[in-house]
Amino acid sequence: MSNLPRILIVSELSLSFSKDGSSANPTLFNLFENYPSELLMQYVPTLTLRDTPPSPPFEERVISFSSQYLPTIRNRLGIILNYLIDAINFQFIEWLSIPNKSQLKNFDPEIILVCPITPLCLIMGCKLMVEFDRPVLIYLMDNWMAYKRPTKWPYSFLQNLTHQYIQDLTNQILKQSVAWLMISEQLKDELSSRYKITPQASLVVHNPVVLSNKSLPNLEKKSINDIFRIAYAGSIQGMHYDALASVAEAVYELRSEGVQVELVVYTARGFWDFYKTQLQTWEVIYGSLIPYNELNEYLKCANLLLVATSFLPEYAHVIRSSILTKLTDYMATGIPIMSCGPSYSACNHFVNKWECGLVCETNNVPDVKAFIAKQMNNYSLNQIIAVNAFEVLKSQFEQFKVSNSLYYFIQKMALTN
């Protein structure tokens, strides 16, 4: 594609891809891997640059800005004082001049893409929107702006002020963006309803998958003597754990009844160590963190691939709107997907829309047991679903197709100024 614009990406997520599988979120890298590197610059917090520096070919295409003028406190006192420290840091970012502004002006972006996952890049994105007379795109992966952690006076007062400040900034950037890029249709609708804004243009952008090195695996039924394996890959955050736990307990009870079934978790050691006491009680197997380029082969050894989204009300704002990266990665395996989460889960809606998996909308352990037992005897039907998932992936979420669609959209939006 010719005549692509110079694009400045503002995000706490760097264009980083870790072969060992430890990338926090590879979606941005996957989307822009084929964008001409000389036409792209990323603006990231200094901590992002330190912890997850961009991968080739973007390692030199980055400018950073300070985000912690006052350091956060990492002890019990910090639980109270970090609300105040965060608020002060946010104000410093807004009040002070834009760091490395001359480098940004030398790059001379033709369009700015703001992909905030915390208030830091939301604030900086709004500053750049004012500083540069350029079209701005907003890309959101979940509705993190809606969350307000319960706390007590006097910090509840400060938190309420900060929360309202974030709402005002979100309203500002959504209203003034030439287009919205969203991880799901549900997120677009929720933000449009909440802020009473209809986007000028919008595009739903999922995590794309490289299929050049993948093919539909052999679908022959495994030996009846094989253990039925459910596999879970990826991080284990609060927004995943309770759903994962309900499946783990259900599998454990089935095993206790003599059923040949197991749950294997492929995740970073830190996540496993945090939850291992309970998970080991349920005889969950730790499969370690598998390098991303090898993960597909490990997942092909499973019978079901688990997507877990929380049933807890405190995570509802994320679960309603965010589609997990692992979904499209799972679709490349030819193994049926089991999406366990509440009825409002965006992941469940995705699975139902594309008919690419099975949905379990309960965390009641006896019901989850019955669901798993049913799938153990549903091989033929489930393989039809797995084949359909792979075909949908090829037609809708293959990297080249998704990238081309995104780049064309960006090119079009750059001309709106």
Protein backbone atom coordinates (compact mmCIF):
# COMPACT_ATOMS: atom_id res chain seq x y z
CA MET A 1 0.00 0.00 0.00
CA SER A 2 1.52 3.31 -1.08
CA ASN A 3 1.22 6.83 0.34
CA LEU A 4 0.74 5.72 3.92
CA PRO A 5 0.86 8.60 6.43
CA ARG A 6 3.47 9.18 9.11
CA ILE A 7 1.81 7.89 12.25
CA LEU A 8 2.60 8.63 15.89
CA ILE A 9 1.41 5.91 18.29
CA VAL A 10 0.91 7.03 21.90
CA SER A 11 0.55 4.08 24.28
CA GLU A 12 1.79 2.33 27.41
CA LEU A 13 2.02 -0.76 25.17
CA SER A 14 5.21 -0.70 23.15
CA LEU A 15 5.56 -2.34 19.75
CA SER A 16 7.14 -5.27 21.50
CA PHE A 17 7.04 -8.94 20.66
CA SER A 18 8.69 -11.39 23.04
CA LYS A 19 9.53 -14.78 21.56
CA ASP A 20 9.51 -16.31 25.04
CA GLY A 21 5.80 -15.51 25.27
CA SER A 22 6.08 -12.87 27.99
CA SER A 23 4.68 -9.90 26.01
CA ALA A 24 2.02 -8.13 28.04
CA ASN A 25 -0.11 -7.60 24.95
CA PRO A 26 1.23 -8.29 21.44
CA THR A 27 -1.79 -6.84 19.61
CA LEU A 28 -0.20 -3.50 18.67
CA PHE A 29 2.93 -5.24 17.39
CA ASN A 30 0.85 -7.73 15.39
CA LEU A 31 -1.17 -4.90 13.85
CA PHE A 32 1.76 -2.70 12.86
CA GLU A 33 4.47 -5.27 12.16
CA ASN A 34 4.10 -4.64 8.41
CA TYR A 35 3.79 -0.86 8.60
CA PRO A 36 6.84 0.90 7.07
CA SER A 37 9.04 1.56 10.10
CA GLU A 38 10.33 4.87 8.70
CA LEU A 39 6.75 6.17 8.73
CA LEU A 40 6.07 5.21 12.33
CA MET A 41 7.12 6.64 15.66
CA GLN A 42 5.99 5.58 19.13
CA TYR A 43 5.67 7.83 22.16
CA VAL A 44 5.76 5.82 25.40
CA PRO A 45 6.30 6.34 29.15
CA THR A 46 9.92 5.89 30.24
CA LEU A 47 8.97 2.85 32.34
CA THR A 48 7.51 1.17 29.24
CA LEU A 49 10.71 1.82 27.32
CA ARG A 50 12.75 0.34 30.17
CA ASP A 51 10.61 -2.76 30.79
CA THR A 52 9.37 -3.65 27.28
CA PRO A 53 11.53 -1.92 24.65
CA PRO A 54 10.20 -2.12 21.08
CA SER A 55 11.20 -5.11 18.97
CA PRO A 56 12.74 -4.96 15.48
CA PRO A 57 12.11 -3.16 13.20
CA PHE A 58 10.84 -0.55 15.67
CA GLU A 59 13.64 -0.52 18.25
CA GLU A 60 14.86 2.90 17.04
CA ARG A 61 11.41 4.30 16.32
CA VAL A 62 10.53 5.43 19.83
CA ILE A 63 10.49 8.58 21.95
CA SER A 64 9.75 8.49 25.68
CA PHE A 65 8.26 10.82 28.27
CA SER A 66 8.52 10.92 32.07
CA SER A 67 5.42 9.66 33.87
CA GLN A 68 6.49 9.38 37.52
CA TYR A 69 7.61 12.71 38.92
CA LEU A 70 6.87 11.31 42.38
CA PRO A 71 7.60 7.57 42.83
CA THR A 72 4.84 5.31 44.07
CA ILE A 73 5.25 3.67 47.48
CA ARG A 74 5.58 -0.13 47.50
CA ASN A 75 4.42 -0.97 51.01
CA ARG A 76 1.23 -0.83 53.10
CA LEU A 77 1.46 2.93 53.39
CA GLY A 78 1.35 3.09 49.61
CA ILE A 79 -2.14 1.58 49.59
CA ILE A 80 -3.31 4.89 51.08
CA LEU A 81 -0.84 7.46 49.73
CA ASN A 82 -0.55 6.24 46.12
CA TYR A 83 -3.96 7.75 45.35
CA LEU A 84 -2.48 11.15 46.18
CA ILE A 85 0.83 10.41 44.40
CA ASP A 86 -0.97 9.30 41.24
CA ALA A 87 -3.12 12.41 41.25
CA ILE A 88 -0.03 14.64 41.61
CA ASN A 89 1.78 12.80 38.79
CA PHE A 90 -1.25 13.20 36.52
CA GLN A 91 -1.28 16.93 37.20
CA PHE A 92 2.43 17.23 36.48
CA ILE A 93 1.93 15.52 33.11
CA GLU A 94 -0.87 17.93 32.26
CA TRP A 95 0.83 21.10 33.54
CA LEU A 96 4.37 20.60 32.27
CA SER A 97 5.39 21.03 28.64
CA ILE A 98 5.43 17.99 26.37
CA PRO A 99 8.76 16.13 26.82
CA ASN A 100 10.94 15.79 23.70
CA LYS A 101 8.55 17.99 21.76
CA SER A 102 11.25 18.95 19.25
CA GLN A 103 11.76 15.29 18.30
CA LEU A 104 8.04 14.89 17.82
CA LYS A 105 7.92 17.98 15.61
CA ASN A 106 10.87 16.73 13.59
CA PHE A 107 8.99 13.50 12.94
CA ASP A 108 6.00 15.64 11.92
CA PRO A 109 3.20 13.06 12.24
CA GLU A 110 0.34 13.19 9.77
CA ILE A 111 -1.97 11.30 12.12
CA ILE A 112 -1.84 10.40 15.82
CA LEU A 113 -3.09 7.08 17.22
CA VAL A 114 -3.74 7.12 20.98
CA CYS A 115 -4.03 3.67 22.59
CA PRO A 116 -4.22 4.32 26.36
CA ILE A 117 -4.48 1.55 28.94
CA THR A 118 -3.99 3.90 31.93
CA PRO A 119 -4.60 7.63 32.53
CA LEU A 120 -0.97 8.39 31.56
CA CYS A 121 -1.37 8.11 27.80
CA LEU A 122 -4.94 9.36 27.94
CA ILE A 123 -3.61 12.63 29.40
CA MET A 124 -0.67 12.76 26.99
CA GLY A 125 -2.91 11.95 24.04
CA CYS A 126 -5.16 14.90 24.89
CA LYS A 127 -2.11 17.19 25.19
CA LEU A 128 -0.80 16.11 21.78
CA MET A 129 -4.26 16.55 20.27
CA VAL A 130 -4.11 20.22 21.31
CA GLU A 131 -0.42 20.73 20.43
CA PHE A 132 -0.53 19.19 16.93
CA ASP A 133 -3.19 20.14 14.43
CA ARG A 134 -3.45 16.56 13.19
CA PRO A 135 -6.25 13.97 12.96
CA VAL A 136 -6.42 11.77 16.06
CA LEU A 137 -7.56 8.14 16.27
CA ILE A 138 -8.44 6.56 19.61
CA TYR A 139 -7.91 2.81 20.01
CA LEU A 140 -9.38 1.23 23.16
CA MET A 141 -9.09 -2.43 24.18
CA ASP A 142 -11.45 -2.31 27.17
CA ASN A 143 -13.47 0.11 29.27
CA TRP A 144 -10.83 0.59 31.98
CA MET A 145 -11.90 4.22 32.37
CA ALA A 146 -15.14 3.10 34.05
CA TYR A 147 -13.44 1.41 37.01
CA LYS A 148 -13.34 3.13 40.39
CA ARG A 149 -11.87 1.12 43.24
CA PRO A 150 -13.89 1.35 46.46
CA THR A 151 -12.02 3.27 49.15
CA LYS A 152 -12.70 5.28 52.31
CA TRP A 153 -12.69 8.95 53.17
CA PRO A 154 -10.64 11.09 52.68
CA TYR A 155 -9.11 9.18 49.75
CA SER A 156 -12.54 8.48 48.27
CA PHE A 157 -12.89 12.24 47.73
CA LEU A 158 -9.55 12.40 45.90
CA GLN A 159 -10.40 9.30 43.90
CA ASN A 160 -13.75 10.74 42.87
CA LEU A 161 -12.01 13.87 41.60
CA THR A 162 -9.48 11.78 39.65
CA HIS A 163 -12.23 9.57 38.26
CA GLN A 164 -14.20 12.58 37.04
CA TYR A 165 -11.00 14.01 35.54
CA ILE A 166 -10.52 10.76 33.58
CA GLN A 167 -14.14 10.88 32.41
CA ASP A 168 -13.68 14.44 31.16
CA LEU A 169 -10.51 13.52 29.28
CA THR A 170 -12.16 10.45 27.77
CA ASN A 171 -15.13 12.52 26.66
CA GLN A 172 -12.76 15.07 25.12
CA ILE A 173 -10.70 12.61 23.10
CA LEU A 174 -13.69 10.53 21.99
CA LYS A 175 -15.51 13.65 20.82
CA GLN A 176 -12.55 15.10 18.93
CA SER A 177 -11.16 11.91 17.38
CA VAL A 178 -11.75 11.55 13.64
CA ALA A 179 -12.47 7.86 14.25
CA TRP A 180 -12.67 5.20 16.93
CA LEU A 181 -10.78 1.92 16.75
CA MET A 182 -12.33 -0.57 19.17
CA ILE A 183 -11.54 -4.12 20.25
CA SER A 184 -15.25 -4.98 20.07
CA GLU A 185 -18.57 -3.68 18.85
CA GLN A 186 -19.81 -3.89 22.47
CA LEU A 187 -17.12 -1.46 23.62
CA LYS A 188 -18.01 1.03 20.88
CA ASP A 189 -21.70 0.88 21.82
CA GLU A 190 -21.00 1.17 25.54
CA LEU A 191 -18.78 4.23 25.15
CA SER A 192 -21.18 5.85 22.69
CA SER A 193 -24.03 5.36 25.17
CA ARG A 194 -22.07 6.45 28.24
CA TYR A 195 -20.59 9.63 26.78
CA LYS A 196 -23.50 10.40 24.43
CA ILE A 197 -21.17 10.54 21.42
CA THR A 198 -21.62 9.02 17.99
CA PRO A 199 -18.20 8.43 16.37
CA GLN A 200 -17.52 10.11 13.04
CA ALA A 201 -16.17 6.77 11.84
CA SER A 202 -15.25 3.51 13.55
CA LEU A 203 -13.52 0.20 12.96
CA VAL A 204 -13.47 -2.94 15.14
CA VAL A 205 -9.89 -4.21 15.27
CA HIS A 206 -9.09 -7.62 16.79
CA ASN A 207 -5.73 -9.22 17.38
CA PRO A 208 -4.57 -10.63 13.99
CA VAL A 209 -2.79 -13.97 13.57
CA VAL A 210 0.02 -14.98 11.21
CA LEU A 211 -1.13 -18.10 9.34
CA SER A 212 1.78 -18.55 6.95
CA ASN A 213 3.36 -21.08 9.33
CA LYS A 214 0.11 -22.76 10.42
CA SER A 215 -2.23 -25.31 8.91
CA LEU A 216 -5.32 -27.11 10.10
CA PRO A 217 -4.06 -30.07 12.15
CA ASN A 218 -4.98 -33.71 11.80
CA LEU A 219 -8.54 -34.06 13.09
CA GLU A 220 -8.48 -37.79 13.67
CA LYS A 221 -10.00 -38.71 17.01
CA LYS A 222 -7.50 -39.41 19.74
CA SER A 223 -7.36 -42.86 21.29
CA ILE A 224 -10.11 -43.50 23.85
CA ASN A 225 -7.32 -44.25 26.33
CA ASP A 226 -6.01 -40.69 26.09
CA ILE A 227 -6.76 -38.31 28.91
CA PHE A 228 -9.15 -35.54 27.85
CA ARG A 229 -7.07 -32.39 28.21
CA ILE A 230 -8.34 -28.86 28.75
CA ALA A 231 -5.63 -26.23 28.24
CA TYR A 232 -5.49 -22.61 29.37
CA ALA A 233 -2.79 -20.27 28.00
CA GLY A 234 -1.96 -16.72 29.03
CA SER A 235 -1.97 -14.46 32.04
CA ILE A 236 -4.14 -15.11 35.10
CA GLN A 237 -5.51 -11.81 36.33
CA GLY A 238 -8.45 -11.12 38.62
CA MET A 239 -10.61 -10.79 35.50
CA HIS A 240 -9.84 -14.46 34.67
CA TYR A 241 -9.31 -16.34 37.90
CA ASP A 242 -12.78 -17.09 39.29
CA ALA A 243 -13.94 -18.56 35.96
CA LEU A 244 -10.70 -20.55 35.66
CA ALA A 245 -11.18 -21.77 39.25
CA SER A 246 -14.70 -23.04 38.54
CA VAL A 247 -13.36 -25.13 35.64
CA ALA A 248 -10.42 -26.36 37.74
CA GLU A 249 -12.73 -27.49 40.53
CA ALA A 250 -15.11 -29.15 38.05
CA VAL A 251 -12.23 -31.06 36.44
CA TYR A 252 -10.98 -32.11 39.88
CA GLU A 253 -14.39 -33.49 40.84
CA LEU A 254 -14.63 -35.38 37.54
CA ARG A 255 -11.18 -36.86 38.17
CA SER A 256 -12.29 -37.87 41.67
CA GLU A 257 -15.14 -39.78 40.03
CA GLY A 258 -12.71 -41.67 37.81
CA VAL A 259 -13.11 -39.59 34.64
CA GLN A 260 -9.90 -39.30 32.58
CA VAL A 261 -9.63 -35.53 32.31
CA GLU A 262 -7.03 -32.89 33.24
CA LEU A 263 -6.49 -29.14 33.17
CA VAL A 264 -3.11 -27.77 32.06
CA VAL A 265 -2.19 -24.11 32.53
CA TYR A 266 0.49 -22.43 30.40
CA THR A 267 1.37 -19.16 32.08
CA ALA A 268 4.25 -17.14 33.52
CA ARG A 269 5.73 -18.37 36.79
CA GLY A 270 4.57 -15.26 38.64
CA PHE A 271 0.91 -15.92 37.85
CA TRP A 272 1.23 -19.59 38.73
CA ASP A 273 2.96 -18.89 42.04
CA PHE A 274 0.26 -16.42 43.05
CA TYR A 275 -2.54 -18.98 42.64
CA LYS A 276 -0.73 -22.32 42.87
CA THR A 277 -1.77 -23.22 46.43
CA GLN A 278 -5.40 -23.53 45.42
CA LEU A 279 -4.77 -24.72 41.86
CA GLN A 280 -2.55 -27.56 43.08
CA THR A 281 -5.29 -28.59 45.49
CA TRP A 282 -7.41 -29.18 42.38
CA GLU A 283 -4.51 -31.06 40.72
CA VAL A 284 -4.10 -28.49 37.98
CA ILE A 285 -0.94 -29.15 35.94
CA TYR A 286 1.52 -26.29 35.43
CA GLY A 287 2.80 -26.35 31.86
CA SER A 288 5.13 -23.32 32.29
CA LEU A 289 5.31 -20.32 29.96
CA ILE A 290 5.66 -21.54 26.39
CA PRO A 291 7.42 -19.35 23.76
CA TYR A 292 4.77 -17.79 21.56
CA ASN A 293 6.09 -19.36 18.37
CA GLU A 294 5.85 -22.83 19.95
CA LEU A 295 2.52 -22.41 21.74
CA ASN A 296 0.39 -23.51 18.80
CA GLU A 297 1.96 -26.98 18.82
CA TYR A 298 1.37 -27.38 22.57
CA LEU A 299 -2.25 -26.31 22.28
CA LYS A 300 -2.86 -28.84 19.51
CA CYS A 301 -2.30 -31.57 22.11
CA ALA A 302 -5.44 -30.48 23.98
CA ASN A 303 -9.10 -31.41 23.48
CA LEU A 304 -10.55 -28.09 24.64
CA LEU A 305 -8.95 -24.63 24.90
CA LEU A 306 -10.24 -22.52 27.78
CA VAL A 307 -11.08 -18.82 27.67
CA ALA A 308 -12.03 -17.61 31.17
CA THR A 309 -13.76 -14.30 31.92
CA SER A 310 -14.81 -13.26 35.41
CA PHE A 311 -18.34 -13.53 36.81
CA LEU A 312 -17.51 -10.99 39.55
CA PRO A 313 -19.38 -7.65 39.29
CA GLU A 314 -16.22 -5.59 39.87
CA TYR A 315 -14.85 -6.77 36.52
CA ALA A 316 -18.08 -6.43 34.55
CA HIS A 317 -16.97 -3.19 32.86
CA VAL A 318 -14.00 -5.04 31.31
CA ILE A 319 -15.73 -8.36 30.61
CA ARG A 320 -18.60 -6.65 28.75
CA SER A 321 -16.25 -4.89 26.38
CA SER A 322 -12.91 -6.66 25.93
CA ILE A 323 -12.11 -9.55 23.61
CA LEU A 324 -9.03 -11.44 24.78
CA THR A 325 -6.04 -11.82 22.49
CA LYS A 326 -5.95 -15.57 23.07
CA LEU A 327 -9.24 -16.11 21.21
CA THR A 328 -7.80 -15.61 17.73
CA ASP A 329 -4.63 -17.50 18.70
CA TYR A 330 -6.80 -20.42 19.83
CA MET A 331 -8.72 -20.38 16.55
CA ALA A 332 -5.49 -21.21 14.69
CA THR A 333 -5.12 -24.58 16.42
CA GLY A 334 -8.05 -26.59 15.09
CA ILE A 335 -9.01 -27.39 18.69
CA PRO A 336 -12.50 -26.51 20.04
CA ILE A 337 -12.71 -23.42 22.25
CA MET A 338 -14.55 -23.40 25.58
CA SER A 339 -15.44 -19.85 26.61
CA CYS A 340 -16.46 -19.78 30.28
CA GLY A 341 -17.91 -16.46 31.41
CA PRO A 342 -21.13 -14.57 32.15
CA SER A 343 -23.81 -14.02 29.54
CA TYR A 344 -22.60 -10.44 28.98
CA SER A 345 -19.00 -11.50 28.24
CA ALA A 346 -17.73 -9.98 24.98
CA CYS A 347 -15.66 -13.13 24.48
CA ASN A 348 -18.81 -15.26 24.66
CA HIS A 349 -20.53 -12.96 22.17
CA PHE A 350 -17.54 -13.26 19.84
CA VAL A 351 -17.61 -17.07 20.04
CA ASN A 352 -21.35 -17.17 19.37
CA LYS A 353 -21.17 -14.65 16.52
CA TRP A 354 -18.48 -16.53 14.61
CA GLU A 355 -19.60 -20.01 15.72
CA CYS A 356 -15.98 -20.71 16.59
CA GLY A 357 -16.40 -22.43 19.95
CA LEU A 358 -18.60 -23.48 22.85
CA VAL A 359 -19.99 -21.15 25.50
CA CYS A 360 -20.40 -22.05 29.17
CA GLU A 361 -22.28 -19.22 30.89
CA THR A 362 -22.12 -20.55 34.44
CA ASN A 363 -19.57 -20.87 37.24
CA ASN A 364 -21.72 -23.31 39.17
CA VAL A 365 -19.36 -26.27 39.51
CA PRO A 366 -21.94 -29.07 38.99
CA ASP A 367 -23.13 -27.35 35.80
CA VAL A 368 -19.56 -26.85 34.58
CA LYS A 369 -18.92 -30.56 35.26
CA ALA A 370 -21.92 -31.50 33.15
CA PHE A 371 -20.78 -29.15 30.38
CA ILE A 372 -17.31 -30.72 30.25
CA ALA A 373 -18.66 -34.26 30.42
CA LYS A 374 -20.94 -33.48 27.47
CA GLN A 375 -18.05 -32.19 25.36
CA MET A 376 -16.04 -35.35 26.05
CA ASN A 377 -18.73 -37.26 24.14
CA ASN A 378 -19.26 -34.63 21.44
CA TYR A 379 -16.11 -35.09 19.38
CA SER A 380 -17.57 -34.97 15.86
CA LEU A 381 -19.71 -31.87 16.40
CA ASN A 382 -16.93 -30.03 18.21
CA GLN A 383 -14.45 -30.71 15.42
CA ILE A 384 -16.87 -29.16 12.94
CA ILE A 385 -16.84 -26.07 15.15
CA ALA A 386 -13.01 -26.11 15.31
CA VAL A 387 -12.74 -26.35 11.51
CA ASN A 388 -15.16 -23.43 11.16
CA ALA A 389 -13.05 -21.41 13.62
CA PHE A 390 -9.96 -21.95 11.48
CA GLU A 391 -11.82 -20.95 8.31
CA VAL A 392 -13.20 -17.81 10.00
CA LEU A 393 -9.67 -16.96 11.12
CA LYS A 394 -8.40 -17.20 7.56
CA SER A 395 -11.18 -15.04 6.16
CA GLN A 396 -11.48 -12.45 8.94
CA PHE A 397 -8.46 -12.28 11.25
CA GLU A 398 -5.40 -13.26 9.23
CA GLN A 399 -2.65 -10.68 9.81
CA PHE A 400 -2.24 -9.47 6.23
CA LYS A 401 -5.99 -8.90 5.79
CA VAL A 402 -6.47 -7.17 9.14
CA SER A 403 -3.40 -4.97 8.65
CA ASN A 404 -4.38 -3.96 5.12
CA SER A 405 -7.85 -3.02 6.30
CA LEU A 406 -6.42 -1.00 9.21
CA TYR A 407 -3.77 0.76 7.10
CA TYR A 408 -6.34 1.72 4.47
CA PHE A 409 -8.59 3.10 7.23
CA ILE A 410 -5.68 5.10 8.73
CA GLN A 411 -4.76 6.42 5.30
CA LYS A 412 -8.32 7.56 4.73
CA MET A 413 -8.59 9.20 8.17
CA ALA A 414 -5.29 11.06 7.68
CA LEU A 415 -6.89 12.94 4.80
CA THR A 416 -9.76 14.25 6.92
CA ASN A 417 -7.81 17.17 8.36
